[in-house]
Amino acid sequence: MTTLVLTHSASLDHVTPPGHPERPDRIRAIDEVLAEDRFKCLARGEAPEGSLDSVALCHNEHYIAEVRHISPSDGLVYLDSDTSMSPGTWEAVMRGVGGAIAATEAVVAGRASNAFVATRPPGHHAEAGRAMGFCFFDQAAIAARHAQRKHGIGRVAVVDFDVHHGNGTQDIFWADRTVMYCSTHQMPLFPGSGAAGERGDHDTIVNAPLASGDGGTKFRSAFENLILPRLETFAPELFIVSAGFDAHSRDPLAGLNLEASDFGWVTRKLMDIADATAGGRIVSVLEGGYNLQGLQESVAAHVAALMGA
């Protein structure tokens, strides 16, 4: 089996305002680095369009209908000051949902060892009934719930190393004892959530906030001393990774100062636990990462680790 990468050209059709960090060039940069010879053995496919029923696994129907209704035929419509829709946004969002589910299907069925879904916009800030932080629907959360509902998987871990806390994923699984959400992130920083004391109704929320400038040593320590032991105890049957690369030292939106090697390291650590508890099953979905060089380096390290390189 091989590592599966799913993309779709619709990711380029979600247009944001001039100067916006979450832009189509992010996908072009990822496509460019994954076209290198070292990645020629990847299995590749197109992300299918997701269904509204799948979105409703994690988002309320009124909110879904609202997002669909305000999708513009031209120009931009703003849901908040930094989250907007263009005519291509709805399809891009639904391809992201479909890609996360298709990757999960392939990994659960054993057609791929693991998978990386390289679509945009990101999703981990989207709460059950609210878009924010460039995000509309939470693909990682939807993939986790789909695996449980369709395949009877009991315990799922969603691990988020984006530099911003995934308030949407935390919101969706706050009262759920069957999903463990683990996050490293910079604090204080948008969206303001993610304190260590935020633990959920069943102690299945694991937040490890870091300070600006902490760097790779403290990032790795947070995983080794807190997150990885909690994951080992929880023994997930499937891992979903919210793979944000905006903690890279080059990124303009934060200051955690990680390097590409840190993303490769944490990927291998998660794979070790997945091998022990989940039959190696990992599905990774793209979140943030806004400096194109840093994004390329980080995605390359992440995907190479998934491949076992």
Protein backbone atom coordinates (compact mmCIF):
# COMPACT_ATOMS: atom_id res chain seq x y z
CA MET A 1 0.00 0.00 0.00
CA THR A 2 1.00 3.60 -0.51
CA THR A 3 0.26 7.07 0.77
CA LEU A 4 -2.73 8.66 -0.98
CA VAL A 5 -2.85 12.37 -1.81
CA LEU A 6 -6.17 13.91 -2.82
CA THR A 7 -6.43 17.35 -4.42
CA HIS A 8 -8.91 19.18 -6.64
CA SER A 9 -8.69 22.18 -8.96
CA ALA A 10 -11.76 23.66 -7.24
CA SER A 11 -9.37 24.64 -4.44
CA LEU A 12 -7.99 27.28 -6.82
CA ASP A 13 -11.46 28.70 -7.49
CA HIS A 14 -12.06 29.82 -3.91
CA VAL A 15 -10.92 33.42 -4.32
CA THR A 16 -10.08 35.65 -1.37
CA PRO A 17 -9.48 39.42 -1.28
CA PRO A 18 -6.14 40.82 -2.51
CA GLY A 19 -3.45 40.37 0.12
CA HIS A 20 -5.39 37.71 2.02
CA PRO A 21 -3.03 35.02 3.40
CA GLU A 22 -5.40 32.12 2.62
CA ARG A 23 -5.02 32.23 -1.15
CA PRO A 24 -4.99 29.85 -4.14
CA ASP A 25 -1.19 30.05 -4.39
CA ARG A 26 -1.03 27.81 -1.33
CA ILE A 27 -2.35 24.89 -3.37
CA ARG A 28 -0.10 25.70 -6.32
CA ALA A 29 2.90 25.61 -3.96
CA ILE A 30 1.88 22.22 -2.58
CA ASP A 31 1.26 20.82 -6.07
CA GLU A 32 4.72 22.01 -7.11
CA VAL A 33 6.61 20.36 -4.26
CA LEU A 34 4.65 17.10 -4.47
CA ALA A 35 5.52 16.91 -8.20
CA GLU A 36 9.18 16.31 -7.29
CA ASP A 37 10.68 12.92 -8.13
CA ARG A 38 10.89 11.87 -4.46
CA PHE A 39 7.08 11.83 -4.37
CA LYS A 40 6.50 9.95 -7.62
CA CYS A 41 5.30 6.81 -5.81
CA LEU A 42 2.38 8.60 -4.15
CA ALA A 43 -1.08 7.41 -5.10
CA ARG A 44 -3.01 10.42 -6.34
CA GLY A 45 -6.66 11.22 -6.86
CA GLU A 46 -9.24 13.98 -7.09
CA ALA A 47 -11.32 14.91 -4.10
CA PRO A 48 -14.98 14.14 -4.85
CA GLU A 49 -17.75 16.51 -3.84
CA GLY A 50 -19.08 15.82 -0.37
CA SER A 51 -22.73 15.50 0.54
CA LEU A 52 -24.86 17.75 2.72
CA ASP A 53 -25.68 14.71 4.83
CA SER A 54 -21.98 14.36 5.59
CA VAL A 55 -21.70 18.02 6.58
CA ALA A 56 -24.73 17.57 8.86
CA LEU A 57 -22.75 15.03 10.90
CA CYS A 58 -21.05 18.02 12.57
CA HIS A 59 -22.92 21.20 11.58
CA ASN A 60 -26.52 22.21 12.17
CA GLU A 61 -28.90 22.29 9.23
CA HIS A 62 -29.82 25.97 9.56
CA TYR A 63 -26.16 26.97 9.33
CA ILE A 64 -25.53 24.68 6.33
CA ALA A 65 -28.53 26.16 4.51
CA GLU A 66 -27.38 29.68 5.34
CA VAL A 67 -23.87 29.14 3.92
CA ARG A 68 -25.31 27.57 0.78
CA HIS A 69 -27.84 30.38 0.36
CA ILE A 70 -25.36 33.24 0.61
CA SER A 71 -22.90 31.70 -1.87
CA PRO A 72 -22.51 34.48 -4.47
CA SER A 73 -22.75 34.28 -8.24
CA ASP A 74 -20.20 37.10 -8.52
CA GLY A 75 -18.02 39.15 -6.23
CA LEU A 76 -17.35 38.39 -2.58
CA VAL A 77 -19.71 37.92 0.35
CA TYR A 78 -18.25 38.31 3.86
CA LEU A 79 -19.29 36.05 6.72
CA ASP A 80 -16.95 37.91 9.05
CA SER A 81 -14.06 40.34 8.64
CA ASP A 82 -11.63 37.70 7.32
CA THR A 83 -13.92 34.90 6.04
CA SER A 84 -15.48 35.45 2.63
CA MET A 85 -17.12 33.49 -0.16
CA SER A 86 -16.53 33.85 -3.90
CA PRO A 87 -18.48 32.06 -6.67
CA GLY A 88 -16.05 29.13 -6.43
CA THR A 89 -16.06 28.79 -2.65
CA TRP A 90 -19.02 26.44 -2.22
CA GLU A 91 -17.57 23.77 -4.51
CA ALA A 92 -14.12 24.15 -2.96
CA VAL A 93 -15.57 23.66 0.51
CA MET A 94 -17.62 20.65 -0.54
CA ARG A 95 -14.61 19.10 -2.31
CA GLY A 96 -12.69 19.51 0.93
CA VAL A 97 -15.42 17.64 2.79
CA GLY A 98 -15.59 14.98 0.09
CA GLY A 99 -11.82 14.63 0.00
CA ALA A 100 -11.61 14.07 3.75
CA ILE A 101 -14.32 11.41 3.57
CA ALA A 102 -12.84 9.71 0.48
CA ALA A 103 -9.42 9.59 2.14
CA THR A 104 -10.99 8.09 5.25
CA GLU A 105 -12.79 5.48 3.15
CA ALA A 106 -9.55 4.53 1.38
CA VAL A 107 -7.58 4.20 4.62
CA VAL A 108 -10.28 2.33 6.56
CA ALA A 109 -10.79 -0.07 3.63
CA GLY A 110 -7.05 -0.71 3.40
CA ARG A 111 -6.66 0.71 -0.10
CA ALA A 112 -4.08 3.21 1.21
CA SER A 113 -1.71 3.09 4.17
CA ASN A 114 -2.54 6.69 5.04
CA ALA A 115 -3.64 9.85 3.24
CA PHE A 116 -3.12 13.60 2.91
CA VAL A 117 -5.94 15.82 1.64
CA ALA A 118 -4.48 18.97 0.06
CA THR A 119 -7.55 21.16 -0.40
CA ARG A 120 -8.60 24.60 0.80
CA PRO A 121 -10.19 26.46 2.55
CA PRO A 122 -9.22 25.07 5.96
CA GLY A 123 -11.87 23.92 8.43
CA HIS A 124 -10.84 23.64 12.07
CA HIS A 125 -12.22 27.03 13.17
CA ALA A 126 -15.73 26.27 11.86
CA GLU A 127 -18.03 25.62 14.81
CA ALA A 128 -21.27 23.64 14.58
CA GLY A 129 -23.18 26.76 13.57
CA ARG A 130 -20.60 29.42 12.75
CA ALA A 131 -17.98 30.18 10.08
CA MET A 132 -14.83 31.95 11.19
CA GLY A 133 -11.08 32.17 10.68
CA PHE A 134 -11.18 31.39 6.91
CA CYS A 135 -13.19 28.20 7.68
CA PHE A 136 -16.71 27.07 6.71
CA PHE A 137 -17.09 23.34 7.46
CA ASP A 138 -14.77 21.30 9.69
CA GLN A 139 -13.45 18.57 7.39
CA ALA A 140 -11.39 16.85 10.08
CA ALA A 141 -14.36 16.58 12.43
CA ILE A 142 -16.64 15.39 9.62
CA ALA A 143 -14.15 12.68 8.64
CA ALA A 144 -13.93 11.48 12.24
CA ARG A 145 -17.69 11.31 12.66
CA HIS A 146 -18.14 9.64 9.25
CA ALA A 147 -15.72 6.88 10.25
CA GLN A 148 -17.69 6.28 13.42
CA ARG A 149 -21.15 6.35 11.86
CA LYS A 150 -20.41 4.37 8.70
CA HIS A 151 -17.69 1.98 9.87
CA GLY A 152 -18.42 1.60 13.56
CA ILE A 153 -15.03 2.86 14.65
CA GLY A 154 -15.23 3.42 18.37
CA ARG A 155 -12.44 5.83 19.28
CA VAL A 156 -11.01 8.51 16.99
CA ALA A 157 -8.23 10.98 17.76
CA VAL A 158 -8.10 14.35 16.03
CA VAL A 159 -4.61 15.82 16.42
CA ASP A 160 -4.12 19.47 15.47
CA PHE A 161 -0.68 21.10 15.21
CA ASP A 162 -1.84 24.26 13.41
CA VAL A 163 -0.48 27.35 15.16
CA HIS A 164 -4.07 28.50 15.81
CA HIS A 165 -6.29 26.54 18.17
CA GLY A 166 -9.02 24.50 16.46
CA ASN A 167 -11.94 25.97 18.38
CA GLY A 168 -14.40 24.46 15.91
CA THR A 169 -13.20 20.90 16.41
CA GLN A 170 -13.13 21.42 20.16
CA ASP A 171 -16.67 22.82 20.07
CA ILE A 172 -17.99 19.87 18.06
CA PHE A 173 -16.44 17.18 20.29
CA TRP A 174 -16.53 18.92 23.68
CA ALA A 175 -19.12 16.52 25.14
CA ASP A 176 -18.03 13.41 23.20
CA ARG A 177 -16.18 10.70 25.12
CA THR A 178 -15.41 8.76 21.88
CA VAL A 179 -13.26 11.45 20.19
CA MET A 180 -10.06 12.82 21.70
CA TYR A 181 -9.04 16.25 20.40
CA CYS A 182 -5.38 17.20 20.98
CA SER A 183 -3.88 20.54 20.01
CA THR A 184 -0.62 22.45 20.20
CA HIS A 185 -1.01 26.13 19.35
CA GLN A 186 0.32 29.56 20.16
CA MET A 187 -1.34 31.56 22.95
CA PRO A 188 -2.31 34.33 23.10
CA LEU A 189 -3.42 34.27 19.47
CA PHE A 190 -6.60 33.97 17.41
CA PRO A 191 -9.18 32.60 18.21
CA GLY A 192 -8.42 32.95 21.94
CA SER A 193 -9.46 29.46 22.99
CA GLY A 194 -7.28 26.46 23.84
CA ALA A 195 -6.21 27.00 27.46
CA ALA A 196 -4.82 23.94 29.21
CA GLY A 197 -7.84 23.92 31.52
CA GLU A 198 -10.26 23.41 28.61
CA ARG A 199 -10.64 19.63 28.90
CA GLY A 200 -14.17 18.81 27.73
CA ASP A 201 -16.98 17.05 29.55
CA HIS A 202 -15.11 13.72 29.59
CA ASP A 203 -11.47 14.87 29.79
CA THR A 204 -11.00 14.07 26.09
CA ILE A 205 -9.83 17.57 25.12
CA VAL A 206 -6.04 17.93 25.45
CA ASN A 207 -4.70 21.43 24.92
CA ALA A 208 -0.98 22.22 25.06
CA PRO A 209 -0.66 25.97 24.50
CA LEU A 210 2.76 27.36 23.60
CA ALA A 211 4.15 30.89 23.74
CA SER A 212 5.48 32.94 20.86
CA GLY A 213 9.09 31.99 20.20
CA ASP A 214 8.94 28.63 21.98
CA GLY A 215 10.31 26.76 18.95
CA GLY A 216 10.75 23.09 18.16
CA THR A 217 12.17 21.98 21.51
CA LYS A 218 9.10 23.07 23.47
CA PHE A 219 6.76 21.86 20.71
CA ARG A 220 8.30 18.39 20.86
CA SER A 221 8.23 18.44 24.65
CA ALA A 222 4.50 19.25 24.63
CA PHE A 223 3.87 16.19 22.51
CA GLU A 224 6.22 13.87 24.40
CA ASN A 225 5.12 14.88 27.89
CA LEU A 226 1.39 15.48 27.41
CA ILE A 227 -0.21 14.62 24.09
CA LEU A 228 1.47 11.35 23.11
CA PRO A 229 0.94 9.69 26.53
CA ARG A 230 -2.73 10.70 26.47
CA LEU A 231 -3.11 9.26 22.97
CA GLU A 232 -1.44 6.01 24.00
CA THR A 233 -3.89 5.64 26.88
CA PHE A 234 -6.90 6.52 24.73
CA ALA A 235 -5.78 3.99 22.07
CA PRO A 236 -7.52 5.49 19.01
CA GLU A 237 -8.69 3.21 16.21
CA LEU A 238 -8.21 6.02 13.67
CA PHE A 239 -6.16 9.22 13.59
CA ILE A 240 -7.32 12.39 11.84
CA VAL A 241 -4.63 15.09 11.62
CA SER A 242 -5.47 18.77 11.27
CA ALA A 243 -2.21 19.54 9.48
CA GLY A 244 -1.61 23.26 9.74
CA PHE A 245 1.88 24.47 8.89
CA ASP A 246 1.61 28.08 10.06
CA ALA A 247 3.78 27.37 13.10
CA HIS A 248 6.74 27.40 10.66
CA SER A 249 9.36 30.06 11.37
CA ARG A 250 8.66 31.79 8.04
CA ASP A 251 4.92 32.14 8.58
CA PRO A 252 3.60 35.71 8.81
CA LEU A 253 0.62 35.02 11.10
CA ALA A 254 2.37 33.70 14.21
CA GLY A 255 5.70 33.17 15.93
CA LEU A 256 6.22 29.60 17.13
CA ASN A 257 9.35 29.26 14.98
CA LEU A 258 9.05 25.58 14.07
CA GLU A 259 11.04 24.10 11.19
CA ALA A 260 9.97 21.54 8.60
CA SER A 261 11.81 18.84 10.54
CA ASP A 262 9.47 19.38 13.49
CA PHE A 263 6.46 18.50 11.33
CA GLY A 264 8.21 15.38 10.07
CA TRP A 265 9.06 14.41 13.64
CA VAL A 266 5.51 14.78 14.98
CA THR A 267 4.11 12.88 12.00
CA ARG A 268 6.40 9.93 12.73
CA LYS A 269 5.45 10.01 16.41
CA LEU A 270 1.75 9.87 15.56
CA MET A 271 2.42 7.07 13.09
CA ASP A 272 4.11 5.05 15.85
CA ILE A 273 0.98 5.20 18.01
CA ALA A 274 -1.27 4.62 15.01
CA ASP A 275 0.72 1.50 14.18
CA ALA A 276 0.18 0.23 17.72
CA THR A 277 -3.52 1.05 18.18
CA ALA A 278 -5.10 1.87 14.81
CA GLY A 279 -3.54 -0.43 12.25
CA GLY A 280 -1.53 2.56 11.03
CA ARG A 281 -4.67 4.40 9.92
CA ILE A 282 -4.02 8.15 9.58
CA VAL A 283 -5.91 10.70 7.48
CA SER A 284 -4.33 14.16 7.32
CA VAL A 285 -6.18 17.25 6.10
CA LEU A 286 -4.58 20.58 5.27
CA GLU A 287 -5.32 23.51 7.57
CA GLY A 288 -3.11 26.62 7.70
CA GLY A 289 0.33 27.57 6.37
CA TYR A 290 0.69 30.93 4.67
CA ASN A 291 4.32 31.44 3.71
CA LEU A 292 4.69 29.51 0.47
CA GLN A 293 8.28 28.36 1.01
CA GLY A 294 7.57 27.33 4.58
CA LEU A 295 4.43 25.54 3.43
CA GLN A 296 6.32 23.62 0.75
CA GLU A 297 9.08 22.56 3.13
CA SER A 298 6.60 21.52 5.81
CA VAL A 299 4.24 19.60 3.52
CA ALA A 300 7.24 17.80 2.02
CA ALA A 301 8.45 16.73 5.47
CA HIS A 302 4.93 15.67 6.54
CA VAL A 303 4.18 13.67 3.41
CA ALA A 304 7.65 12.09 3.32
CA ALA A 305 7.07 10.90 6.88
CA LEU A 306 3.68 9.46 5.92
CA MET A 307 5.42 7.60 3.10
CA GLY A 308 7.91 6.17 5.57
CA ALA A 309 10.83 8.05 4.06
